[in-house]
Amino acid sequence: MNLVGMKIIQIYILFLIFLSIASNVEAQQNIQKAIEIFVEDPVNKNAAISIHVINLENGNEIAAYKSDLAITSASTTKLFSTAAAYELLGPQYRASTRIYTDGNITSDGILQGNLWLRGGGDVSLGSKYFNQPKKELDFLNSWADSLSKLGIKFIQGALIADASDFGYAGVPDGWDWNDIGNYYGSPARGLNIYDNLVKVNFRTFSPGTKSAIVSIFPEVSGLRYKNNVYSANVNGDNSYLYGAPFSLDRSAEGKLPAHQSSFEVKGSLPDPELQTAFELQKALANVGIQTEDGCRTVRTNSILSNRNYNKMNLLIEYFGKTVDEIAYWTNLKSVNLFAEGLLNQLGYYLSGDGCTATSLQHIYKFLEKNIDTKGLVLTDGSGLSRSNAISASHFTSLLNYMWHSKNIDSFKKTLPVAGVSGTLKNLCKEKVCEGKVVAKSGTISGVKSYAGYVESTTGKKLAFAITVNNFNCSSTQISDKMEKILVEMAQY
């Protein structure tokens, strides 16, 4: 090839590079323009907004608006608890529940002592996400069968439930009273069962008349609801269940559709530690094992905290679901209990203390080593707390870190796909961003957020976060407006 031909090829290559750069600049400008239109929308006149988009190939910023503004982000907070669980515990880590005895089993089947049920914070025990309907409590039968096979026929002492390794705090800081008592506001404990919820079934009558509570499952001894739920011409559940942790005195407020023979409303379980012991006692009775002194808990009997498991005999160790399995449902369906449980496992695994405060210390240490945490405030693992303060750049920094982690494939699989699955099923339907966005959503009153990854139509890999507080429209309407930014990212 002569010199003229080589120069022509060089000029052509330079021209292609120029076109590529120009195209990228235009696409970048389109994203920034979509952000500006969103910010200037009248519904956001009084809103706090933080947006950040980066290129995962080099970490460079593509577009932004107040990316360092740390604000409440709702359930996108779960990205921090699930990412930390993958990195610090590992995808195959499983919490365990152990059963000990402090006595001996005689030749005629008498356990001369107590049976101790030690919680390890397993949130998968009896969960609907891992069991068929009405099979959630079958694990208790397997425990009872195992104890029967050990020759136990009678327990001369008590069945003692111990969830103390995870503390007995009420709820994480910043949880709203309106959430506590409802199923999604049930905190994780050292012992968890049946997703820590109760199902309250109401019968409704003519509009304007008070409903009647017809059943509660599981049976909770002493649980009382002050019922102020009325029958009304409404669609769906317009009721709320209120109650403080460990309290058996609760209230039901609001409205339910009229003329319903049975309408189910889910609330939080007051005392999962005691409930697990109660359910196990029933399972033991079903195989003929009676307990002389009934059920007790360490929380309500401080003298029982003076126990030494090193001097006891371990009878059963039951392992729950893996971090990978729990994190999947945590992000796909935004399960608050699972997110709090994963957070608490960090403290328990690393220091033997599974309380929220200790676990938050460990997640901060992990984050400080890997991202810029200036301005970051985490007070829970689920995002139900309004005290959390997270900026868009905090999210993109975490997402960028995870992009280069050995756990990225597992982590990404937990994220809903826009227009396809989970909490993003109705987002980006029949738009270019459908199937191109995998992200965690966040929604509480006055807060909407998305954070995750985008694979554009040109093959570019992006990380993004969009959070808005105090917008002046419905959650659905603000999501529709956010979609326009996602469309531009998908075309980058």
Foldseek 3Di string as FASTA:
>chain_A
DDPVVVVVVVVVVVVVVVVVVVVLLVLLVLLQVLVVVLCPPPLNPPKDKWKWKAFLVVRHTSHIDPQVFWFQFFQLLLLLLLLCLCVQVNQFHWFKKFKWFLADQDPQAEGAGEIEIWFRQGLQQLEVLPDPPPCSNVVLLVVLVLSVVVRHQEYAAEYEFEQPLAHDDWAWPFFDQQLAFALLRAATTSAHGHSQKKKWKWFAADFPAFIHTDDIPPDDPLADEAGAEHEHCDPDDQKGKGDTALDSYIYIHYYDHHGHRIDIGMTGHRDRRQVVQVSSQVSNVVVNYHYDHYYYYCVVPVVVVPDDCVSIGIRDMGTDGGSLSLLLCCQQAVRQRSQQSSLLSQQCVPPSHSYQVSSVVRSVVVLVVQFDCVPFDDRGRRSSGSPGIRGWRSQQSSQSSLVPDPCVVSSQNSFDFACVGGPRVPAQNPALRGRQWTWGWRDDVQKTKIWGWGQAPVRTIMTMIIIMGRGNDDRVVSRVSVSSSSRSVNHD
